[in-house]
Structures are given as structure tokens and as C-alpha cells.
Amino acid sequence: MVHQSQRVVRMLQIVGGCLFVTAYFLPGISFPDAPHSLIGYKCALNAVTFACSGTLEVFRGKQSWSEIWIPVLAGLSALNNLLAPMYVLVKKMRKRSLAVAVVICCVATPCAVLYAVNERPLVGCYLWMLGAILLLAPEVNGSMAG
């Protein structure tokens, strides 16, 4: 029974990793007034750029502190590009903390995309989040067993 459960968890992680990587090559977001969409890896680069430039604008005084939540959400979304693969690579140490961070970043992504910058998520965005969540299968399995 334990071996079968471990196999299912491992398969979920493999599927999650495949979805996570595939999402970088699929349309990620579209803009309401533009006919084109951004591919996933460009979304990731834009999220990093937007987070950095938006935060700098606040520190330069060109934006108010109340507007910093928009680049913070974009930054959390961008951070997930590192956290999700890191979760798989890290052995036992701090895995639960990384898993919580991945979930927070996955929640921040639709908030940043839908509400903050008024873009529409496409298939790549959804597969990227689903892949990141599936990578966390050992955490769900561990909490069900314990």
C-alpha cells in the first residue's frame, strides 16, 4: 500500500514537472486591447521586470506606497519560477516551508494577472499553476499519512 502511494505521488510530481515546463512554451496571458498574447517564458521575464521596476518607482517617489502591492504580486508570481523546481531539488530540509511559499505564489499569480494589470490568463498560465501545485504531491501525501 505504501509503495503504491509513493508511486502515485511520484507520477503526480512527474506530470506536474512536465506541465510546469510545457507552460513556458504555451500562450500565458493576453491583453484586453491587443490581438497578441505572451508566451509563458516571456510572462516570467515580464513579471520579474515589472516587480523590479514597480518597486523602484515606489522608492523613487513616482508611485505611492499604496500601489506597491501590484509589483509585489508580480514578484511573488515570478518567484514561483524558482521555488517550485527548488522544492523538488531540496531534500527533506525546509520542504514544508517551500511548499507553503509555492502555494502563496500560485495564489498571487491570478491576483496579479487578473486584478492588478488587467490581463487574461491563458492555457499556459493555468498549466503553470497546476504543474507547480502537482509538484507538491508529497506534502499532501505526507499530511494524509500523518
C-alpha atoms as a PDB file:
ATOM      1  CA  MET A   1       0.000   0.000   0.000  1.00  0.00           C
ATOM      2  CA  VAL A   2       2.816   2.404   0.889  1.00  0.00           C
ATOM      3  CA  HIS A   3       4.711   1.628  -2.310  1.00  0.00           C
ATOM      4  CA  GLN A   4       1.638   2.243  -4.450  1.00  0.00           C
ATOM      5  CA  SER A   5       1.039   5.580  -2.710  1.00  0.00           C
ATOM      6  CA  GLN A   6       4.663   6.588  -3.291  1.00  0.00           C
ATOM      7  CA  ARG A   7       4.367   5.672  -6.975  1.00  0.00           C
ATOM      8  CA  VAL A   8       1.234   7.786  -7.369  1.00  0.00           C
ATOM      9  CA  VAL A   9       2.930  10.730  -5.668  1.00  0.00           C
ATOM     10  CA  ARG A  10       5.996  10.360  -7.878  1.00  0.00           C
ATOM     11  CA  MET A  11       3.811  10.187 -11.010  1.00  0.00           C
ATOM     12  CA  LEU A  12       1.966  13.340  -9.924  1.00  0.00           C
ATOM     13  CA  GLN A  13       5.307  15.088  -9.492  1.00  0.00           C
ATOM     14  CA  ILE A  14       6.475  13.986 -12.938  1.00  0.00           C
ATOM     15  CA  VAL A  15       3.221  15.149 -14.535  1.00  0.00           C
ATOM     16  CA  GLY A  16       3.470  18.416 -12.579  1.00  0.00           C
ATOM     17  CA  GLY A  17       7.033  18.978 -13.733  1.00  0.00           C
ATOM     18  CA  CYS A  18       6.062  18.311 -17.344  1.00  0.00           C
ATOM     19  CA  LEU A  19       3.127  20.738 -17.131  1.00  0.00           C
ATOM     20  CA  PHE A  20       5.280  23.346 -15.395  1.00  0.00           C
ATOM     21  CA  VAL A  21       7.942  23.215 -18.130  1.00  0.00           C
ATOM     22  CA  THR A  22       5.450  22.932 -21.018  1.00  0.00           C
ATOM     23  CA  ALA A  23       3.646  26.054 -19.796  1.00  0.00           C
ATOM     24  CA  TYR A  24       6.713  28.147 -20.628  1.00  0.00           C
ATOM     25  CA  PHE A  25       6.133  27.438 -24.321  1.00  0.00           C
ATOM     26  CA  LEU A  26       2.364  27.992 -24.422  1.00  0.00           C
ATOM     27  CA  PRO A  27       0.412  31.265 -24.528  1.00  0.00           C
ATOM     28  CA  GLY A  28       0.395  32.585 -20.956  1.00  0.00           C
ATOM     29  CA  ILE A  29      -1.586  35.810 -20.934  1.00  0.00           C
ATOM     30  CA  SER A  30      -3.472  38.035 -23.336  1.00  0.00           C
ATOM     31  CA  PHE A  31      -4.155  41.728 -23.211  1.00  0.00           C
ATOM     32  CA  PRO A  32      -7.706  43.106 -23.484  1.00  0.00           C
ATOM     33  CA  ASP A  33      -6.912  45.647 -26.205  1.00  0.00           C
ATOM     34  CA  ALA A  34      -4.184  43.782 -28.097  1.00  0.00           C
ATOM     35  CA  PRO A  35      -4.550  40.963 -30.618  1.00  0.00           C
ATOM     36  CA  HIS A  36      -1.471  39.079 -29.402  1.00  0.00           C
ATOM     37  CA  SER A  37      -0.610  37.059 -26.323  1.00  0.00           C
ATOM     38  CA  LEU A  38       2.606  36.458 -24.383  1.00  0.00           C
ATOM     39  CA  ILE A  39       4.310  33.068 -24.322  1.00  0.00           C
ATOM     40  CA  GLY A  40       4.926  31.658 -20.832  1.00  0.00           C
ATOM     41  CA  TYR A  41       8.658  32.339 -20.595  1.00  0.00           C
ATOM     42  CA  LYS A  42       8.056  35.954 -21.643  1.00  0.00           C
ATOM     43  CA  CYS A  43       5.414  36.219 -18.907  1.00  0.00           C
ATOM     44  CA  ALA A  44       8.009  35.071 -16.387  1.00  0.00           C
ATOM     45  CA  LEU A  45      10.536  37.646 -17.622  1.00  0.00           C
ATOM     46  CA  ASN A  46       7.910  40.395 -17.635  1.00  0.00           C
ATOM     47  CA  ALA A  47       6.853  39.540 -14.085  1.00  0.00           C
ATOM     48  CA  VAL A  48      10.431  39.939 -12.866  1.00  0.00           C
ATOM     49  CA  THR A  49      10.883  43.190 -14.787  1.00  0.00           C
ATOM     50  CA  PHE A  50       7.546  44.579 -13.612  1.00  0.00           C
ATOM     51  CA  ALA A  51       8.233  43.647 -10.000  1.00  0.00           C
ATOM     52  CA  CYS A  52      11.664  45.288 -10.038  1.00  0.00           C
ATOM     53  CA  SER A  53      10.666  48.438 -11.942  1.00  0.00           C
ATOM     54  CA  GLY A  54       7.436  48.915  -9.982  1.00  0.00           C
ATOM     55  CA  THR A  55       9.265  48.625  -6.683  1.00  0.00           C
ATOM     56  CA  LEU A  56      11.901  51.106  -7.868  1.00  0.00           C
ATOM     57  CA  GLU A  57       9.181  53.580  -8.863  1.00  0.00           C
ATOM     58  CA  VAL A  58       7.789  53.462  -5.335  1.00  0.00           C
ATOM     59  CA  PHE A  59      11.221  54.077  -3.812  1.00  0.00           C
ATOM     60  CA  ARG A  60      11.840  56.946  -6.244  1.00  0.00           C
ATOM     61  CA  GLY A  61       8.569  58.527  -5.149  1.00  0.00           C
ATOM     62  CA  LYS A  62       6.878  58.235  -8.548  1.00  0.00           C
ATOM     63  CA  GLN A  63       4.262  55.852  -7.147  1.00  0.00           C
ATOM     64  CA  SER A  64       2.640  55.794  -3.756  1.00  0.00           C
ATOM     65  CA  TRP A  65       3.274  53.092  -1.183  1.00  0.00           C
ATOM     66  CA  SER A  66      -0.338  52.011  -1.567  1.00  0.00           C
ATOM     67  CA  GLU A  67       0.463  50.966  -5.148  1.00  0.00           C
ATOM     68  CA  ILE A  68       3.335  48.669  -4.180  1.00  0.00           C
ATOM     69  CA  TRP A  69       1.048  45.650  -3.851  1.00  0.00           C
ATOM     70  CA  ILE A  70       0.869  45.357  -7.665  1.00  0.00           C
ATOM     71  CA  PRO A  71       4.621  44.813  -8.174  1.00  0.00           C
ATOM     72  CA  VAL A  72       4.715  42.658  -5.021  1.00  0.00           C
ATOM     73  CA  LEU A  73       2.105  40.306  -6.518  1.00  0.00           C
ATOM     74  CA  ALA A  74       4.054  40.211  -9.782  1.00  0.00           C
ATOM     75  CA  GLY A  75       7.210  39.470  -7.812  1.00  0.00           C
ATOM     76  CA  LEU A  76       5.553  36.580  -5.960  1.00  0.00           C
ATOM     77  CA  SER A  77       4.380  35.211  -9.279  1.00  0.00           C
ATOM     78  CA  ALA A  78       7.914  35.448 -10.667  1.00  0.00           C
ATOM     79  CA  LEU A  79       9.371  33.897  -7.517  1.00  0.00           C
ATOM     80  CA  ASN A  80       7.371  30.742  -8.128  1.00  0.00           C
ATOM     81  CA  ASN A  81       9.555  30.066 -11.187  1.00  0.00           C
ATOM     82  CA  LEU A  82      12.383  29.373  -8.741  1.00  0.00           C
ATOM     83  CA  LEU A  83      10.507  27.965  -5.753  1.00  0.00           C
ATOM     84  CA  ALA A  84       8.609  25.158  -7.477  1.00  0.00           C
ATOM     85  CA  PRO A  85      11.681  23.488  -9.024  1.00  0.00           C
ATOM     86  CA  MET A  86      13.659  24.178  -5.847  1.00  0.00           C
ATOM     87  CA  TYR A  87      11.024  22.243  -3.866  1.00  0.00           C
ATOM     88  CA  VAL A  88      11.763  19.130  -5.937  1.00  0.00           C
ATOM     89  CA  LEU A  89      15.529  19.511  -5.706  1.00  0.00           C
ATOM     90  CA  VAL A  90      15.774  20.159  -1.970  1.00  0.00           C
ATOM     91  CA  LYS A  91      15.978  17.111   0.251  1.00  0.00           C
ATOM     92  CA  LYS A  92      13.879  16.970   3.435  1.00  0.00           C
ATOM     93  CA  MET A  93      15.158  20.275   4.837  1.00  0.00           C
ATOM     94  CA  ARG A  94      12.539  23.049   4.814  1.00  0.00           C
ATOM     95  CA  LYS A  95      10.318  21.353   2.231  1.00  0.00           C
ATOM     96  CA  ARG A  96       7.134  22.302   4.026  1.00  0.00           C
ATOM     97  CA  SER A  97       8.153  25.985   4.051  1.00  0.00           C
ATOM     98  CA  LEU A  98       8.902  25.875   0.337  1.00  0.00           C
ATOM     99  CA  ALA A  99       5.554  24.204  -0.313  1.00  0.00           C
ATOM    100  CA  VAL A 100       3.719  26.965   1.550  1.00  0.00           C
ATOM    101  CA  ALA A 101       5.667  29.586  -0.420  1.00  0.00           C
ATOM    102  CA  VAL A 102       4.735  27.897  -3.716  1.00  0.00           C
ATOM    103  CA  VAL A 103       1.044  27.920  -2.782  1.00  0.00           C
ATOM    104  CA  ILE A 104       1.210  31.606  -1.784  1.00  0.00           C
ATOM    105  CA  CYS A 105       2.896  32.438  -5.074  1.00  0.00           C
ATOM    106  CA  CYS A 106       0.277  30.456  -7.012  1.00  0.00           C
ATOM    107  CA  VAL A 107      -2.455  32.448  -5.274  1.00  0.00           C
ATOM    108  CA  ALA A 108      -0.642  35.719  -6.056  1.00  0.00           C
ATOM    109  CA  THR A 109      -0.436  34.900  -9.762  1.00  0.00           C
ATOM    110  CA  PRO A 110      -4.125  35.184 -10.661  1.00  0.00           C
ATOM    111  CA  CYS A 111      -4.446  38.211  -8.390  1.00  0.00           C
ATOM    112  CA  ALA A 112      -1.597  39.942 -10.209  1.00  0.00           C
ATOM    113  CA  VAL A 113      -2.762  38.922 -13.660  1.00  0.00           C
ATOM    114  CA  LEU A 114      -6.500  39.425 -13.320  1.00  0.00           C
ATOM    115  CA  TYR A 115      -6.879  42.338 -10.964  1.00  0.00           C
ATOM    116  CA  ALA A 116      -3.672  44.317 -10.908  1.00  0.00           C
ATOM    117  CA  VAL A 117      -2.652  44.547 -14.535  1.00  0.00           C
ATOM    118  CA  ASN A 118      -5.938  43.593 -16.233  1.00  0.00           C
ATOM    119  CA  GLU A 119      -4.626  40.742 -18.355  1.00  0.00           C
ATOM    120  CA  ARG A 120      -6.383  37.494 -19.169  1.00  0.00           C
ATOM    121  CA  PRO A 121      -4.707  34.215 -18.210  1.00  0.00           C
ATOM    122  CA  LEU A 122      -4.496  31.625 -20.977  1.00  0.00           C
ATOM    123  CA  VAL A 123      -3.771  27.899 -21.020  1.00  0.00           C
ATOM    124  CA  GLY A 124      -0.065  28.354 -20.202  1.00  0.00           C
ATOM    125  CA  CYS A 125      -0.851  30.291 -17.019  1.00  0.00           C
ATOM    126  CA  TYR A 126      -3.255  27.636 -15.784  1.00  0.00           C
ATOM    127  CA  LEU A 127      -0.916  24.747 -16.633  1.00  0.00           C
ATOM    128  CA  TRP A 128       1.979  26.567 -14.939  1.00  0.00           C
ATOM    129  CA  MET A 129      -0.022  26.893 -11.689  1.00  0.00           C
ATOM    130  CA  LEU A 130      -1.350  23.327 -11.909  1.00  0.00           C
ATOM    131  CA  GLY A 131       2.152  21.985 -12.531  1.00  0.00           C
ATOM    132  CA  ALA A 132       3.506  23.884  -9.521  1.00  0.00           C
ATOM    133  CA  ILE A 133       0.732  22.515  -7.307  1.00  0.00           C
ATOM    134  CA  LEU A 134       1.239  18.929  -8.543  1.00  0.00           C
ATOM    135  CA  LEU A 135       4.919  19.175  -7.669  1.00  0.00           C
ATOM    136  CA  LEU A 136       3.734  19.445  -4.043  1.00  0.00           C
ATOM    137  CA  ALA A 137       2.124  15.984  -4.077  1.00  0.00           C
ATOM    138  CA  PRO A 138       4.479  14.620  -1.391  1.00  0.00           C
ATOM    139  CA  GLU A 139       3.228  17.252   1.054  1.00  0.00           C
ATOM    140  CA  VAL A 140      -0.387  16.199   0.540  1.00  0.00           C
ATOM    141  CA  ASN A 141       0.554  12.536   0.815  1.00  0.00           C
ATOM    142  CA  GLY A 142       2.596  13.189   3.968  1.00  0.00           C
ATOM    143  CA  SER A 143      -0.215  15.086   5.672  1.00  0.00           C
ATOM    144  CA  MET A 144      -2.727  12.360   4.808  1.00  0.00           C
ATOM    145  CA  ALA A 145      -0.437   9.666   6.162  1.00  0.00           C
ATOM    146  CA  GLY A 146       0.405  11.578   9.322  1.00  0.00           C
END
